[in-house]
PDB file of N, CA and C in Angstrom:
ATOM      1  N   UNK A   1       1.014  -1.294  -0.152  1.00  0.00           N
ATOM      2  CA  UNK A   1      -0.226  -0.737   0.008  1.00  0.00           C
ATOM      3  C   UNK A   1       0.400   1.057  -0.054  1.00  0.00           C
ATOM      4  N   UNK A   2       1.854   1.325   0.355  1.00  0.00           N
ATOM      5  CA  UNK A   2       3.020   2.137   0.478  1.00  0.00           C
ATOM      6  C   UNK A   2       4.481   2.197   0.260  1.00  0.00           C
ATOM      7  N   UNK A   3       4.065   1.582  -1.096  1.00  0.00           N
ATOM      8  CA  UNK A   3       5.453   0.637  -2.199  1.00  0.00           C
ATOM      9  C   UNK A   3       6.463   2.566  -1.903  1.00  0.00           C
ATOM     10  N   UNK A   4       7.066   2.517  -2.021  1.00  0.00           N
ATOM     11  CA  UNK A   4       7.821   3.990  -2.290  1.00  0.00           C
ATOM     12  C   UNK A   4       7.958   5.113  -1.242  1.00  0.00           C
ATOM     13  N   UNK A   5       6.632   4.960  -0.681  1.00  0.00           N
ATOM     14  CA  UNK A   5       6.611   6.095   0.078  1.00  0.00           C
ATOM     15  C   UNK A   5       7.826   6.216   1.837  1.00  0.00           C
ATOM     16  N   UNK A   6       8.015   7.073   1.506  1.00  0.00           N
ATOM     17  CA  UNK A   6       9.099   7.716   3.192  1.00  0.00           C
ATOM     18  C   UNK A   6       7.999   7.685   3.939  1.00  0.00           C
ATOM     19  N   UNK A   7       7.943   6.919   5.232  1.00  0.00           N
ATOM     20  CA  UNK A   7       7.180   7.279   6.399  1.00  0.00           C
ATOM     21  C   UNK A   7       8.353   6.780   7.757  1.00  0.00           C
ATOM     22  N   UNK A   8       8.606   7.660   7.950  1.00  0.00           N
ATOM     23  CA  UNK A   8       9.366   7.544   9.639  1.00  0.00           C
ATOM     24  C   UNK A   8       8.060   7.751  11.043  1.00  0.00           C
ATOM     25  N   UNK A   9       9.312   6.769  11.553  1.00  0.00           N
ATOM     26  CA  UNK A   9       8.859   6.088  12.991  1.00  0.00           C
ATOM     27  C   UNK A   9       9.743   7.015  14.192  1.00  0.00           C
ATOM     28  N   UNK A  10       9.267   7.122  15.039  1.00  0.00           N
ATOM     29  CA  UNK A  10       9.605   7.455  15.914  1.00  0.00           C
ATOM     30  C   UNK A  10      11.077   7.243  16.109  1.00  0.00           C
ATOM     31  N   UNK A  11      11.468   5.926  15.780  1.00  0.00           N
ATOM     32  CA  UNK A  11      13.141   5.507  15.853  1.00  0.00           C
ATOM     33  C   UNK A  11      14.150   6.746  14.801  1.00  0.00           C
ATOM     34  N   UNK A  12      12.917   7.100  13.873  1.00  0.00           N
ATOM     35  CA  UNK A  12      13.362   8.302  12.514  1.00  0.00           C
ATOM     36  C   UNK A  12      13.633   9.809  13.097  1.00  0.00           C
ATOM     37  N   UNK A  13      13.388  10.429  14.482  1.00  0.00           N
ATOM     38  CA  UNK A  13      13.194  11.729  14.703  1.00  0.00           C
ATOM     39  C   UNK A  13      14.349  11.579  15.702  1.00  0.00           C
ATOM     40  N   UNK A  14      14.630  10.882  16.268  1.00  0.00           N
ATOM     41  CA  UNK A  14      15.331  10.790  17.245  1.00  0.00           C
ATOM     42  C   UNK A  14      16.500   9.698  18.503  1.00  0.00           C
ATOM     43  N   UNK A  15      17.701  10.207  18.567  1.00  0.00           N
ATOM     44  CA  UNK A  15      18.062   8.812  19.286  1.00  0.00           C
ATOM     45  C   UNK A  15      18.320   9.092  19.965  1.00  0.00           C
ATOM     46  N   UNK A  16      19.226   8.451  21.430  1.00  0.00           N
ATOM     47  CA  UNK A  16      19.425   8.140  22.599  1.00  0.00           C
ATOM     48  C   UNK A  16      20.661   9.664  22.836  1.00  0.00           C
ATOM     49  N   UNK A  17      20.411  10.373  23.107  1.00  0.00           N
ATOM     50  CA  UNK A  17      21.630  11.482  23.353  1.00  0.00           C
ATOM     51  C   UNK A  17      21.595  12.723  22.137  1.00  0.00           C
ATOM     52  N   UNK A  18      20.968  12.335  21.849  1.00  0.00           N
ATOM     53  CA  UNK A  18      19.953  13.300  20.487  1.00  0.00           C
ATOM     54  C   UNK A  18      18.876  13.168  20.304  1.00  0.00           C
ATOM     55  N   UNK A  19      18.078  13.470  20.690  1.00  0.00           N
ATOM     56  CA  UNK A  19      16.711  13.627  20.957  1.00  0.00           C
ATOM     57  C   UNK A  19      15.819  14.437  19.910  1.00  0.00           C
ATOM     58  N   UNK A  20      14.234  14.608  19.218  1.00  0.00           N
ATOM     59  CA  UNK A  20      13.832  15.323  18.982  1.00  0.00           C
ATOM     60  C   UNK A  20      13.492  16.304  19.431  1.00  0.00           C
ATOM     61  N   UNK A  21      13.593  17.399  19.439  1.00  0.00           N
ATOM     62  CA  UNK A  21      12.917  18.944  20.568  1.00  0.00           C
ATOM     63  C   UNK A  21      11.371  17.855  21.229  1.00  0.00           C
ATOM     64  N   UNK A  22      11.175  16.951  20.384  1.00  0.00           N
ATOM     65  CA  UNK A  22       9.259  16.772  20.686  1.00  0.00           C
ATOM     66  C   UNK A  22       9.810  15.524  21.707  1.00  0.00           C
ATOM     67  N   UNK A  23      10.676  14.785  21.246  1.00  0.00           N
ATOM     68  CA  UNK A  23      10.744  14.501  22.337  1.00  0.00           C
ATOM     69  C   UNK A  23      11.063  14.472  23.529  1.00  0.00           C
ATOM     70  N   UNK A  24      12.779  15.662  23.723  1.00  0.00           N
ATOM     71  CA  UNK A  24      13.169  15.960  25.243  1.00  0.00           C
ATOM     72  C   UNK A  24      11.914  17.073  25.381  1.00  0.00           C
ATOM     73  N   UNK A  25      10.743  17.839  24.782  1.00  0.00           N
ATOM     74  CA  UNK A  25      10.144  17.583  25.504  1.00  0.00           C
ATOM     75  C   UNK A  25       8.858  16.639  26.515  1.00  0.00           C
ATOM     76  N   UNK A  26       8.539  15.619  25.402  1.00  0.00           N
ATOM     77  CA  UNK A  26       7.829  14.934  26.488  1.00  0.00           C
ATOM     78  C   UNK A  26       8.603  14.741  28.172  1.00  0.00           C
ATOM     79  N   UNK A  27       9.915  14.503  27.682  1.00  0.00           N
ATOM     80  CA  UNK A  27       9.877  14.235  28.617  1.00  0.00           C
ATOM     81  C   UNK A  27      10.127  15.325  29.905  1.00  0.00           C
ATOM     82  N   UNK A  28      10.726  15.814  29.699  1.00  0.00           N
ATOM     83  CA  UNK A  28      10.899  17.632  30.952  1.00  0.00           C
ATOM     84  C   UNK A  28       9.514  17.766  31.074  1.00  0.00           C
ATOM     85  N   UNK A  29       8.441  17.887  30.297  1.00  0.00           N
ATOM     86  CA  UNK A  29       7.339  17.871  30.808  1.00  0.00           C
ATOM     87  C   UNK A  29       5.834  16.641  31.306  1.00  0.00           C
ATOM     88  N   UNK A  30       6.641  15.260  31.329  1.00  0.00           N
ATOM     89  CA  UNK A  30       6.438  14.394  31.576  1.00  0.00           C
ATOM     90  C   UNK A  30       4.719  13.556  31.289  1.00  0.00           C
ATOM     91  N   UNK A  31       5.473  13.552  29.407  1.00  0.00           N
ATOM     92  CA  UNK A  31       4.604  14.235  29.127  1.00  0.00           C
ATOM     93  C   UNK A  31       4.434  12.608  28.214  1.00  0.00           C
ATOM     94  N   UNK A  32       4.536  11.353  29.545  1.00  0.00           N
ATOM     95  CA  UNK A  32       4.045   9.945  29.071  1.00  0.00           C
ATOM     96  C   UNK A  32       3.919   9.579  30.833  1.00  0.00           C
ATOM     97  N   UNK A  33       3.298   8.541  30.301  1.00  0.00           N
ATOM     98  CA  UNK A  33       3.107   7.601  32.002  1.00  0.00           C
ATOM     99  C   UNK A  33       3.333   6.143  31.506  1.00  0.00           C
ATOM    100  N   UNK A  34       2.668   5.996  30.852  1.00  0.00           N
ATOM    101  CA  UNK A  34       2.748   4.276  30.931  1.00  0.00           C
ATOM    102  C   UNK A  34       3.678   3.766  29.251  1.00  0.00           C
ATOM    103  N   UNK A  35       3.398   5.329  28.656  1.00  0.00           N
ATOM    104  CA  UNK A  35       4.289   5.181  27.110  1.00  0.00           C
ATOM    105  C   UNK A  35       3.644   3.877  26.198  1.00  0.00           C
ATOM    106  N   UNK A  36       2.693   3.691  26.477  1.00  0.00           N
ATOM    107  CA  UNK A  36       1.745   3.227  25.882  1.00  0.00           C
ATOM    108  C   UNK A  36       1.368   3.959  23.918  1.00  0.00           C
ATOM    109  N   UNK A  37       1.059   5.259  24.829  1.00  0.00           N
ATOM    110  CA  UNK A  37       0.782   5.256  23.423  1.00  0.00           C
ATOM    111  C   UNK A  37       1.911   7.071  23.444  1.00  0.00           C
ATOM    112  N   UNK A  38       3.074   6.982  23.235  1.00  0.00           N
ATOM    113  CA  UNK A  38       4.052   8.134  23.924  1.00  0.00           C
ATOM    114  C   UNK A  38       4.535   8.502  21.867  1.00  0.00           C
ATOM    115  N   UNK A  39       4.355   7.301  21.269  1.00  0.00           N
ATOM    116  CA  UNK A  39       5.554   7.267  20.140  1.00  0.00           C
ATOM    117  C   UNK A  39       4.311   7.619  18.793  1.00  0.00           C
ATOM    118  N   UNK A  40       3.033   7.566  19.083  1.00  0.00           N
ATOM    119  CA  UNK A  40       1.898   7.708  18.695  1.00  0.00           C
ATOM    120  C   UNK A  40       1.735   9.059  18.886  1.00  0.00           C
ATOM    121  N   UNK A  41       1.423   9.421  19.711  1.00  0.00           N
ATOM    122  CA  UNK A  41       1.613  11.296  20.178  1.00  0.00           C
ATOM    123  C   UNK A  41       2.751  12.051  19.848  1.00  0.00           C
ATOM    124  N   UNK A  42       4.018  11.562  20.546  1.00  0.00           N
ATOM    125  CA  UNK A  42       5.400  12.176  19.834  1.00  0.00           C
ATOM    126  C   UNK A  42       4.818  12.464  18.166  1.00  0.00           C
ATOM    127  N   UNK A  43       4.802  11.260  17.162  1.00  0.00           N
ATOM    128  CA  UNK A  43       4.641  11.561  15.863  1.00  0.00           C
ATOM    129  C   UNK A  43       4.038  12.122  15.631  1.00  0.00           C
ATOM    130  N   UNK A  44       2.377  12.616  16.490  1.00  0.00           N
ATOM    131  CA  UNK A  44       1.278  13.604  15.773  1.00  0.00           C
ATOM    132  C   UNK A  44       1.799  14.961  16.213  1.00  0.00           C
ATOM    133  N   UNK A  45       2.566  15.103  17.742  1.00  0.00           N
ATOM    134  CA  UNK A  45       2.840  16.096  18.107  1.00  0.00           C
ATOM    135  C   UNK A  45       3.866  17.137  17.097  1.00  0.00           C
ATOM    136  N   UNK A  46       4.354  15.977  16.572  1.00  0.00           N
ATOM    137  CA  UNK A  46       5.546  16.626  15.295  1.00  0.00           C
ATOM    138  C   UNK A  46       5.101  17.125  14.487  1.00  0.00           C
ATOM    139  N   UNK A  47       3.916  16.180  13.557  1.00  0.00           N
ATOM    140  CA  UNK A  47       3.240  16.694  12.788  1.00  0.00           C
ATOM    141  C   UNK A  47       2.684  18.015  12.514  1.00  0.00           C
ATOM    142  N   UNK A  48       1.688  18.622  13.555  1.00  0.00           N
ATOM    143  CA  UNK A  48       1.210  19.467  13.974  1.00  0.00           C
ATOM    144  C   UNK A  48       1.984  20.396  14.167  1.00  0.00           C
ATOM    145  N   UNK A  49       3.524  20.377  13.922  1.00  0.00           N
ATOM    146  CA  UNK A  49       4.465  21.623  14.058  1.00  0.00           C
ATOM    147  C   UNK A  49       3.919  22.028  12.677  1.00  0.00           C
ATOM    148  N   UNK A  50       4.226  21.518  11.799  1.00  0.00           N
ATOM    149  CA  UNK A  50       3.735  21.696  10.043  1.00  0.00           C
ATOM    150  C   UNK A  50       2.504  21.906   9.514  1.00  0.00           C
ATOM    151  N   UNK A  51       1.729  22.441  10.639  1.00  0.00           N
ATOM    152  CA  UNK A  51       0.457  22.115  10.809  1.00  0.00           C
ATOM    153  C   UNK A  51       0.008  23.398  10.913  1.00  0.00           C
ATOM    154  N   UNK A  52      -1.742  24.057  10.108  1.00  0.00           N
ATOM    155  CA  UNK A  52      -1.986  25.437  10.920  1.00  0.00           C
ATOM    156  C   UNK A  52      -2.859  24.799  12.211  1.00  0.00           C
ATOM    157  N   UNK A  53      -2.359  25.835  12.879  1.00  0.00           N
ATOM    158  CA  UNK A  53      -2.511  25.453  14.276  1.00  0.00           C
ATOM    159  C   UNK A  53      -2.834  26.669  14.889  1.00  0.00           C
ATOM    160  N   UNK A  54      -3.802  27.224  15.873  1.00  0.00           N
ATOM    161  CA  UNK A  54      -3.758  28.089  16.883  1.00  0.00           C
ATOM    162  C   UNK A  54      -3.086  28.268  17.918  1.00  0.00           C
ATOM    163  N   UNK A  55      -2.959  29.356  18.318  1.00  0.00           N
ATOM    164  CA  UNK A  55      -2.160  28.920  19.913  1.00  0.00           C
ATOM    165  C   UNK A  55      -2.319  28.865  21.090  1.00  0.00           C
ATOM    166  N   UNK A  56      -3.304  28.722  21.044  1.00  0.00           N
ATOM    167  CA  UNK A  56      -4.388  28.052  22.399  1.00  0.00           C
ATOM    168  C   UNK A  56      -4.259  26.186  22.480  1.00  0.00           C
ATOM    169  N   UNK A  57      -4.078  25.811  23.507  1.00  0.00           N
ATOM    170  CA  UNK A  57      -3.975  25.019  24.632  1.00  0.00           C
ATOM    171  C   UNK A  57      -5.152  24.020  23.539  1.00  0.00           C
ATOM    172  N   UNK A  58      -6.451  24.832  23.680  1.00  0.00           N
ATOM    173  CA  UNK A  58      -7.515  23.897  22.917  1.00  0.00           C
ATOM    174  C   UNK A  58      -7.205  23.665  21.675  1.00  0.00           C
ATOM    175  N   UNK A  59      -6.502  24.416  20.555  1.00  0.00           N
ATOM    176  CA  UNK A  59      -6.036  23.919  19.769  1.00  0.00           C
ATOM    177  C   UNK A  59      -5.262  22.571  18.917  1.00  0.00           C
ATOM    178  N   UNK A  60      -4.514  22.925  20.173  1.00  0.00           N
ATOM    179  CA  UNK A  60      -3.481  21.531  20.221  1.00  0.00           C
ATOM    180  C   UNK A  60      -4.322  20.088  20.312  1.00  0.00           C
ATOM    181  N   UNK A  61      -4.978  20.845  21.151  1.00  0.00           N
ATOM    182  CA  UNK A  61      -6.141  19.025  21.960  1.00  0.00           C
ATOM    183  C   UNK A  61      -6.751  19.270  20.600  1.00  0.00           C
ATOM    184  N   UNK A  62      -7.904  20.093  19.906  1.00  0.00           N
ATOM    185  CA  UNK A  62      -8.362  19.685  19.172  1.00  0.00           C
ATOM    186  C   UNK A  62      -7.375  18.904  17.646  1.00  0.00           C
ATOM    187  N   UNK A  63      -6.729  19.210  17.615  1.00  0.00           N
ATOM    188  CA  UNK A  63      -5.850  18.486  16.152  1.00  0.00           C
ATOM    189  C   UNK A  63      -4.931  17.578  17.174  1.00  0.00           C
ATOM    190  N   UNK A  64      -4.857  17.487  18.161  1.00  0.00           N
ATOM    191  CA  UNK A  64      -3.953  16.117  18.603  1.00  0.00           C
ATOM    192  C   UNK A  64      -5.321  15.441  19.249  1.00  0.00           C
ATOM    193  N   UNK A  65      -6.719  14.995  18.892  1.00  0.00           N
ATOM    194  CA  UNK A  65      -7.615  14.947  19.280  1.00  0.00           C
ATOM    195  C   UNK A  65      -8.800  13.127  19.329  1.00  0.00           C
ATOM    196  N   UNK A  66      -7.419  12.894  17.982  1.00  0.00           N
ATOM    197  CA  UNK A  66      -7.257  11.673  17.396  1.00  0.00           C
ATOM    198  C   UNK A  66      -6.550  10.737  18.339  1.00  0.00           C
ATOM    199  N   UNK A  67      -5.429  11.033  18.673  1.00  0.00           N
ATOM    200  CA  UNK A  67      -4.824  10.161  20.025  1.00  0.00           C
ATOM    201  C   UNK A  67      -4.923   9.936  21.303  1.00  0.00           C
ATOM    202  N   UNK A  68      -5.019   8.723  22.028  1.00  0.00           N
ATOM    203  CA  UNK A  68      -6.289   8.710  23.098  1.00  0.00           C
ATOM    204  C   UNK A  68      -4.831   7.882  24.013  1.00  0.00           C
ATOM    205  N   UNK A  69      -4.761   8.776  25.268  1.00  0.00           N
ATOM    206  CA  UNK A  69      -3.718   8.571  26.076  1.00  0.00           C
ATOM    207  C   UNK A  69      -5.144   8.012  27.694  1.00  0.00           C
ATOM    208  N   UNK A  70      -4.678   6.153  27.827  1.00  0.00           N
ATOM    209  CA  UNK A  70      -5.613   6.102  28.619  1.00  0.00           C
ATOM    210  C   UNK A  70      -4.631   6.884  29.999  1.00  0.00           C
ATOM    211  N   UNK A  71      -3.532   7.004  30.071  1.00  0.00           N
ATOM    212  CA  UNK A  71      -3.313   7.245  31.530  1.00  0.00           C
ATOM    213  C   UNK A  71      -3.824   8.246  31.607  1.00  0.00           C
ATOM    214  N   UNK A  72      -4.222   9.440  30.890  1.00  0.00           N
ATOM    215  CA  UNK A  72      -4.720  10.812  30.777  1.00  0.00           C
ATOM    216  C   UNK A  72      -4.008  12.103  30.779  1.00  0.00           C
ATOM    217  N   UNK A  73      -2.869  11.837  30.522  1.00  0.00           N
ATOM    218  CA  UNK A  73      -1.241  12.796  30.659  1.00  0.00           C
ATOM    219  C   UNK A  73      -2.300  13.510  30.352  1.00  0.00           C
ATOM    220  N   UNK A  74      -3.243  13.997  29.523  1.00  0.00           N
ATOM    221  CA  UNK A  74      -3.386  14.738  28.446  1.00  0.00           C
ATOM    222  C   UNK A  74      -2.486  16.476  28.428  1.00  0.00           C
ATOM    223  N   UNK A  75      -2.174  17.007  29.811  1.00  0.00           N
ATOM    224  CA  UNK A  75      -2.309  18.247  29.982  1.00  0.00           C
ATOM    225  C   UNK A  75      -0.356  18.468  30.221  1.00  0.00           C
ATOM    226  N   UNK A  76       0.338  16.911  30.237  1.00  0.00           N
ATOM    227  CA  UNK A  76       1.433  17.271  30.252  1.00  0.00           C
ATOM    228  C   UNK A  76       1.624  16.858  28.991  1.00  0.00           C
ATOM    229  N   UNK A  77       0.815  15.900  27.907  1.00  0.00           N
ATOM    230  CA  UNK A  77       1.347  16.285  26.702  1.00  0.00           C
ATOM    231  C   UNK A  77       1.245  17.717  25.648  1.00  0.00           C
ATOM    232  N   UNK A  78      -0.130  18.498  25.935  1.00  0.00           N
ATOM    233  CA  UNK A  78      -0.415  19.480  25.935  1.00  0.00           C
ATOM    234  C   UNK A  78       0.869  20.407  25.859  1.00  0.00           C
ATOM    235  N   UNK A  79       1.478  20.310  27.119  1.00  0.00           N
ATOM    236  CA  UNK A  79       2.343  21.739  27.929  1.00  0.00           C
ATOM    237  C   UNK A  79       3.277  20.874  26.991  1.00  0.00           C
ATOM    238  N   UNK A  80       3.853  19.661  26.182  1.00  0.00           N
ATOM    239  CA  UNK A  80       5.126  19.485  26.007  1.00  0.00           C
ATOM    240  C   UNK A  80       5.174  20.171  24.984  1.00  0.00           C
ATOM    241  N   UNK A  81       3.894  20.153  23.903  1.00  0.00           N
ATOM    242  CA  UNK A  81       3.462  20.321  23.085  1.00  0.00           C
ATOM    243  C   UNK A  81       3.882  21.994  21.797  1.00  0.00           C
ATOM    244  N   UNK A  82       3.060  22.637  23.813  1.00  0.00           N
ATOM    245  CA  UNK A  82       3.261  23.597  23.817  1.00  0.00           C
ATOM    246  C   UNK A  82       4.788  24.710  23.734  1.00  0.00           C
ATOM    247  N   UNK A  83       5.879  24.130  25.056  1.00  0.00           N
ATOM    248  CA  UNK A  83       6.750  24.135  25.298  1.00  0.00           C
ATOM    249  C   UNK A  83       7.626  24.452  23.125  1.00  0.00           C
ATOM    250  N   UNK A  84       7.000  23.154  22.447  1.00  0.00           N
ATOM    251  CA  UNK A  84       7.985  23.108  21.262  1.00  0.00           C
ATOM    252  C   UNK A  84       7.985  24.937  20.207  1.00  0.00           C
ATOM    253  N   UNK A  85       6.428  23.835  20.754  1.00  0.00           N
ATOM    254  CA  UNK A  85       5.707  25.722  19.462  1.00  0.00           C
ATOM    255  C   UNK A  85       6.049  26.870  19.947  1.00  0.00           C
ATOM    256  N   UNK A  86       6.301  27.025  20.874  1.00  0.00           N
ATOM    257  CA  UNK A  86       6.578  28.545  21.414  1.00  0.00           C
ATOM    258  C   UNK A  86       8.251  29.129  21.890  1.00  0.00           C
ATOM    259  N   UNK A  87       8.805  28.012  21.058  1.00  0.00           N
ATOM    260  CA  UNK A  87      10.528  28.468  20.756  1.00  0.00           C
ATOM    261  C   UNK A  87      10.542  28.807  19.708  1.00  0.00           C
ATOM    262  N   UNK A  88      11.668  29.844  19.539  1.00  0.00           N
ATOM    263  CA  UNK A  88      11.970  30.198  17.910  1.00  0.00           C
ATOM    264  C   UNK A  88      12.285  29.568  17.072  1.00  0.00           C
ATOM    265  N   UNK A  89      11.974  29.182  16.052  1.00  0.00           N
ATOM    266  CA  UNK A  89      12.683  28.131  15.176  1.00  0.00           C
ATOM    267  C   UNK A  89      14.203  28.292  14.563  1.00  0.00           C
TER     268      UNK A  89
END
């Protein structure tokens, strides 16, 4: 279905010792609990950086609404995303 398509996984955005800014933010903001959804949350958050998204937490929550976190770490996830979004590029 995706022959010849480029697909980036969590392993492709950063490595131990050289994490992607979003991975660092998830660690700093405790944006993970059990880890089950973490890779999907981070990959969606990285994609969100390239999409039009308003500045508020509610805007981020709307774009991330397809990702479910059974531990309920949503406020920390949003904080991580916002911390990356607010850094100058």
